N, C-alpha and C. Protein backbone atom coordinates (compact mmCIF):
# COMPACT_ATOMS: atom_id res chain seq x y z
N MET A 1 47.12 200.15 45.95
CA MET A 1 47.41 201.54 45.70
C MET A 1 48.40 201.70 44.56
N ALA A 2 49.30 200.73 44.43
CA ALA A 2 50.29 200.81 43.35
C ALA A 2 49.60 200.72 41.98
N THR A 3 48.52 199.96 41.90
CA THR A 3 47.79 199.85 40.64
C THR A 3 47.16 201.18 40.26
N LEU A 4 46.54 201.85 41.21
CA LEU A 4 45.96 203.17 40.96
C LEU A 4 47.03 204.16 40.53
N PHE A 5 48.18 204.11 41.19
CA PHE A 5 49.28 204.99 40.84
C PHE A 5 49.74 204.74 39.41
N THR A 6 49.86 203.47 39.03
CA THR A 6 50.28 203.11 37.67
C THR A 6 49.26 203.58 36.64
N ILE A 7 47.98 203.42 36.94
CA ILE A 7 46.93 203.88 36.02
C ILE A 7 47.00 205.39 35.85
N LEU A 8 47.21 206.12 36.94
CA LEU A 8 47.32 207.58 36.85
C LEU A 8 48.55 208.01 36.06
N VAL A 9 49.66 207.30 36.21
CA VAL A 9 50.86 207.62 35.43
C VAL A 9 50.59 207.43 33.95
N ILE A 10 49.95 206.32 33.59
CA ILE A 10 49.63 206.06 32.18
C ILE A 10 48.70 207.13 31.64
N LEU A 11 47.67 207.50 32.40
CA LEU A 11 46.75 208.56 31.96
C LEU A 11 47.48 209.89 31.81
N HIS A 12 48.36 210.20 32.74
CA HIS A 12 49.11 211.45 32.70
C HIS A 12 49.94 211.55 31.42
N VAL A 13 50.65 210.49 31.10
CA VAL A 13 51.46 210.46 29.89
C VAL A 13 50.58 210.54 28.64
N LEU A 14 49.46 209.83 28.65
CA LEU A 14 48.56 209.87 27.50
C LEU A 14 47.96 211.26 27.29
N PHE A 15 47.62 211.94 28.37
CA PHE A 15 47.07 213.30 28.23
C PHE A 15 48.08 214.25 27.62
N TRP A 16 49.36 214.15 28.02
CA TRP A 16 50.37 215.01 27.40
C TRP A 16 50.54 214.66 25.93
N ALA A 17 50.48 213.38 25.60
CA ALA A 17 50.60 212.98 24.19
C ALA A 17 49.41 213.49 23.38
N VAL A 18 48.22 213.39 23.94
CA VAL A 18 47.02 213.90 23.24
C VAL A 18 47.11 215.41 23.07
N ALA A 19 47.65 216.10 24.05
CA ALA A 19 47.78 217.56 23.94
C ALA A 19 48.65 217.93 22.75
N LEU A 20 49.71 217.19 22.52
CA LEU A 20 50.56 217.46 21.36
C LEU A 20 49.91 217.03 20.06
N LEU A 21 49.27 215.87 20.07
CA LEU A 21 48.69 215.34 18.84
C LEU A 21 47.42 216.08 18.41
N ALA A 22 46.75 216.75 19.34
CA ALA A 22 45.51 217.45 18.99
C ALA A 22 45.76 218.81 18.35
N MET A 23 47.00 219.30 18.40
CA MET A 23 47.31 220.59 17.79
C MET A 23 47.48 220.46 16.29
N ASN A 24 47.13 221.53 15.60
CA ASN A 24 47.41 221.62 14.16
C ASN A 24 48.68 222.44 13.99
N PHE A 25 49.61 221.93 13.20
CA PHE A 25 50.85 222.68 12.97
C PHE A 25 50.93 223.25 11.56
N THR A 26 50.00 222.87 10.69
CA THR A 26 49.97 223.44 9.33
C THR A 26 48.55 223.83 9.01
N PRO A 27 48.09 224.99 9.21
CA PRO A 27 48.72 226.13 9.87
C PRO A 27 48.67 225.95 11.39
N PRO A 28 49.58 226.59 12.11
CA PRO A 28 49.62 226.40 13.57
C PRO A 28 48.36 226.93 14.24
N GLN A 29 47.71 226.05 15.00
CA GLN A 29 46.48 226.42 15.69
C GLN A 29 46.32 225.53 16.92
N ILE A 30 45.83 226.12 18.00
CA ILE A 30 45.57 225.38 19.24
C ILE A 30 44.09 225.04 19.26
N THR A 31 43.78 223.76 19.33
CA THR A 31 42.39 223.31 19.31
C THR A 31 41.86 223.19 20.74
N PRO A 32 40.52 223.16 20.90
CA PRO A 32 39.97 222.95 22.24
C PRO A 32 40.40 221.61 22.85
N GLY A 33 40.62 220.60 22.03
CA GLY A 33 41.09 219.31 22.55
C GLY A 33 42.44 219.43 23.22
N THR A 34 43.29 220.28 22.68
CA THR A 34 44.60 220.51 23.29
C THR A 34 44.44 221.15 24.66
N ALA A 35 43.56 222.12 24.75
CA ALA A 35 43.34 222.79 26.03
C ALA A 35 42.80 221.82 27.08
N HIS A 36 41.86 220.99 26.69
CA HIS A 36 41.30 220.02 27.63
C HIS A 36 42.33 218.98 28.04
N ALA A 37 43.16 218.55 27.10
CA ALA A 37 44.18 217.54 27.42
C ALA A 37 45.25 218.10 28.36
N THR A 38 45.64 219.37 28.16
CA THR A 38 46.63 219.95 29.07
C THR A 38 46.06 220.10 30.48
N ALA A 39 44.80 220.48 30.57
CA ALA A 39 44.17 220.60 31.89
C ALA A 39 44.05 219.22 32.56
N ALA A 40 43.69 218.21 31.78
CA ALA A 40 43.58 216.86 32.33
C ALA A 40 44.95 216.35 32.78
N ALA A 41 46.00 216.67 32.03
CA ALA A 41 47.34 216.25 32.42
C ALA A 41 47.76 216.95 33.72
N LEU A 42 47.40 218.21 33.86
CA LEU A 42 47.71 218.94 35.10
C LEU A 42 46.99 218.30 36.29
N VAL A 43 45.71 217.99 36.12
CA VAL A 43 44.93 217.40 37.21
C VAL A 43 45.48 216.02 37.59
N THR A 44 45.79 215.19 36.58
CA THR A 44 46.33 213.87 36.91
C THR A 44 47.71 213.99 37.57
N GLY A 45 48.49 214.97 37.17
CA GLY A 45 49.78 215.20 37.83
C GLY A 45 49.60 215.57 39.29
N LEU A 46 48.63 216.44 39.57
CA LEU A 46 48.36 216.80 40.96
C LEU A 46 47.86 215.60 41.77
N LEU A 47 47.02 214.77 41.14
CA LEU A 47 46.56 213.56 41.82
C LEU A 47 47.72 212.61 42.11
N LEU A 48 48.65 212.50 41.17
CA LEU A 48 49.81 211.64 41.37
C LEU A 48 50.65 212.10 42.56
N VAL A 49 50.90 213.39 42.63
CA VAL A 49 51.70 213.92 43.74
C VAL A 49 50.97 213.73 45.06
N GLY A 50 49.68 214.00 45.08
CA GLY A 50 48.90 213.80 46.30
C GLY A 50 48.89 212.35 46.75
N LEU A 51 48.71 211.45 45.80
CA LEU A 51 48.71 210.02 46.13
C LEU A 51 50.08 209.57 46.62
N TRP A 52 51.13 210.09 45.99
CA TRP A 52 52.49 209.74 46.37
C TRP A 52 52.80 210.23 47.79
N GLU A 53 52.30 211.40 48.14
CA GLU A 53 52.53 211.94 49.48
C GLU A 53 51.76 211.17 50.55
N MET A 54 50.56 210.70 50.21
CA MET A 54 49.71 210.05 51.20
C MET A 54 50.07 208.59 51.45
N THR A 55 50.66 207.94 50.46
CA THR A 55 50.94 206.51 50.59
C THR A 55 52.44 206.25 50.50
N ASP A 56 52.79 205.00 50.64
CA ASP A 56 54.18 204.60 50.50
C ASP A 56 54.35 203.79 49.22
N VAL A 57 53.93 204.36 48.10
CA VAL A 57 54.03 203.68 46.81
C VAL A 57 55.49 203.39 46.50
N TYR A 58 56.36 204.35 46.76
CA TYR A 58 57.79 204.16 46.60
C TYR A 58 58.46 204.44 47.93
N ASP A 59 59.66 203.92 48.10
CA ASP A 59 60.37 204.10 49.37
C ASP A 59 60.71 205.56 49.64
N GLU A 60 61.09 206.28 48.60
CA GLU A 60 61.47 207.69 48.77
C GLU A 60 60.29 208.59 48.41
N GLY A 61 60.27 209.76 48.97
CA GLY A 61 59.23 210.72 48.66
C GLY A 61 59.50 211.43 47.35
N PRO A 62 58.54 212.21 46.87
CA PRO A 62 58.75 212.92 45.61
C PRO A 62 59.77 214.04 45.75
N ASN A 63 60.42 214.37 44.66
CA ASN A 63 61.37 215.48 44.60
C ASN A 63 60.55 216.76 44.47
N HIS A 64 60.43 217.51 45.54
CA HIS A 64 59.54 218.67 45.56
C HIS A 64 60.00 219.78 44.63
N ALA A 65 61.29 219.93 44.45
CA ALA A 65 61.78 220.96 43.52
C ALA A 65 61.36 220.61 42.09
N LYS A 66 61.51 219.36 41.72
CA LYS A 66 61.11 218.91 40.39
C LYS A 66 59.60 219.08 40.20
N ILE A 67 58.83 218.69 41.20
CA ILE A 67 57.37 218.81 41.12
C ILE A 67 56.98 220.28 40.99
N GLY A 68 57.65 221.17 41.71
CA GLY A 68 57.34 222.60 41.63
C GLY A 68 57.62 223.17 40.26
N VAL A 69 58.76 222.80 39.67
CA VAL A 69 59.10 223.29 38.33
C VAL A 69 58.11 222.75 37.31
N LYS A 70 57.79 221.46 37.41
CA LYS A 70 56.83 220.86 36.48
C LYS A 70 55.44 221.50 36.63
N LEU A 71 55.06 221.85 37.86
CA LEU A 71 53.77 222.49 38.09
C LEU A 71 53.71 223.86 37.42
N VAL A 72 54.78 224.64 37.54
CA VAL A 72 54.81 225.96 36.91
C VAL A 72 54.74 225.83 35.39
N VAL A 73 55.49 224.89 34.82
CA VAL A 73 55.47 224.70 33.37
C VAL A 73 54.10 224.21 32.92
N ALA A 74 53.50 223.29 33.66
CA ALA A 74 52.18 222.78 33.30
C ALA A 74 51.11 223.87 33.40
N LEU A 75 51.19 224.69 34.44
CA LEU A 75 50.24 225.80 34.56
C LEU A 75 50.39 226.79 33.41
N ALA A 76 51.62 227.06 33.02
CA ALA A 76 51.85 227.95 31.88
C ALA A 76 51.27 227.34 30.61
N ALA A 77 51.42 226.03 30.43
CA ALA A 77 50.86 225.36 29.26
C ALA A 77 49.34 225.44 29.25
N VAL A 78 48.72 225.24 30.40
CA VAL A 78 47.26 225.32 30.48
C VAL A 78 46.78 226.73 30.18
N VAL A 79 47.45 227.73 30.72
CA VAL A 79 47.07 229.13 30.47
C VAL A 79 47.20 229.46 29.00
N VAL A 80 48.31 229.08 28.38
CA VAL A 80 48.49 229.34 26.95
C VAL A 80 47.42 228.62 26.14
N ALA A 81 47.15 227.37 26.48
CA ALA A 81 46.18 226.59 25.72
C ALA A 81 44.78 227.20 25.80
N TYR A 82 44.35 227.59 26.99
CA TYR A 82 43.00 228.12 27.13
C TYR A 82 42.85 229.55 26.61
N THR A 83 43.89 230.35 26.71
CA THR A 83 43.77 231.73 26.23
C THR A 83 43.93 231.83 24.71
N GLN A 84 44.57 230.86 24.10
CA GLN A 84 44.86 230.94 22.66
C GLN A 84 44.02 229.99 21.82
N GLN A 85 43.13 229.21 22.42
CA GLN A 85 42.43 228.19 21.64
C GLN A 85 41.44 228.77 20.63
N ARG A 86 40.94 229.94 20.82
CA ARG A 86 39.97 230.51 19.88
C ARG A 86 40.58 231.46 18.86
N LYS A 87 41.88 231.64 18.94
CA LYS A 87 42.55 232.54 17.99
C LYS A 87 42.58 231.87 16.62
N PRO A 88 42.40 232.65 15.57
CA PRO A 88 42.40 232.06 14.22
C PRO A 88 43.80 231.61 13.81
N ALA A 89 43.81 230.65 12.92
CA ALA A 89 45.10 230.17 12.38
C ALA A 89 45.62 231.20 11.40
N PRO A 90 46.88 231.42 11.25
CA PRO A 90 47.99 230.82 11.98
C PRO A 90 48.20 231.49 13.33
N ASN A 91 48.43 230.69 14.32
CA ASN A 91 48.67 231.17 15.68
C ASN A 91 50.03 230.63 16.14
N SER A 92 51.00 231.51 16.20
CA SER A 92 52.36 231.07 16.53
C SER A 92 52.50 230.61 17.98
N MET A 93 51.52 230.88 18.81
CA MET A 93 51.58 230.41 20.20
C MET A 93 51.46 228.89 20.27
N ALA A 94 51.04 228.26 19.19
CA ALA A 94 51.01 226.79 19.17
C ALA A 94 52.41 226.23 19.34
N TYR A 95 53.40 226.91 18.77
CA TYR A 95 54.78 226.47 18.93
C TYR A 95 55.27 226.68 20.36
N VAL A 96 54.83 227.75 20.99
CA VAL A 96 55.18 227.99 22.40
C VAL A 96 54.58 226.89 23.27
N LEU A 97 53.32 226.55 23.01
CA LEU A 97 52.67 225.49 23.78
C LEU A 97 53.37 224.15 23.56
N ALA A 98 53.73 223.85 22.33
CA ALA A 98 54.45 222.61 22.06
C ALA A 98 55.79 222.60 22.79
N GLY A 99 56.45 223.74 22.85
CA GLY A 99 57.71 223.83 23.59
C GLY A 99 57.53 223.62 25.08
N LEU A 100 56.45 224.18 25.65
CA LEU A 100 56.18 223.99 27.07
C LEU A 100 55.88 222.52 27.38
N ILE A 101 55.12 221.88 26.52
CA ILE A 101 54.81 220.46 26.72
C ILE A 101 56.10 219.64 26.61
N GLY A 102 56.90 219.95 25.61
CA GLY A 102 58.18 219.25 25.46
C GLY A 102 59.10 219.46 26.65
N LEU A 103 59.14 220.69 27.15
CA LEU A 103 59.96 221.00 28.33
C LEU A 103 59.50 220.20 29.54
N ASN A 104 58.19 220.09 29.71
CA ASN A 104 57.65 219.32 30.83
C ASN A 104 58.06 217.85 30.73
N VAL A 105 58.03 217.31 29.54
CA VAL A 105 58.43 215.91 29.34
C VAL A 105 59.93 215.74 29.59
N VAL A 106 60.74 216.68 29.11
CA VAL A 106 62.19 216.60 29.31
C VAL A 106 62.53 216.69 30.80
N ILE A 107 61.85 217.56 31.53
CA ILE A 107 62.09 217.67 32.97
C ILE A 107 61.72 216.36 33.66
N ALA A 108 60.62 215.76 33.25
CA ALA A 108 60.19 214.50 33.87
C ALA A 108 61.21 213.39 33.64
N ILE A 109 61.81 213.36 32.47
CA ILE A 109 62.73 212.27 32.13
C ILE A 109 64.14 212.55 32.64
N ALA A 110 64.62 213.76 32.44
CA ALA A 110 66.04 214.06 32.69
C ALA A 110 66.36 214.39 34.14
N TRP A 111 65.40 214.88 34.91
CA TRP A 111 65.70 215.32 36.27
C TRP A 111 65.74 214.13 37.20
């Protein structure tokens, strides 16, 4: 089970990285790849929490407050990505999406 958990963590991090790398910043535009990557990161995050709750991968359980905040930020990122992906460039919401993704990463590391 620990191997599956590790694979999901790697995929989760890669999806967030792809979400940032798939965006165009000159001019700012949200691509469909960014929307798909944010949704995939959200799904893998939910799978990670579910797997963590069902098994004893780690001795302690997940921090539910942290997971809740990250879920809200990730949902906001997915909503922004899917609602703004067809807007023509320049689309300043690309910076908002990049900020949400960055905030999610900072919460994961700093909390």
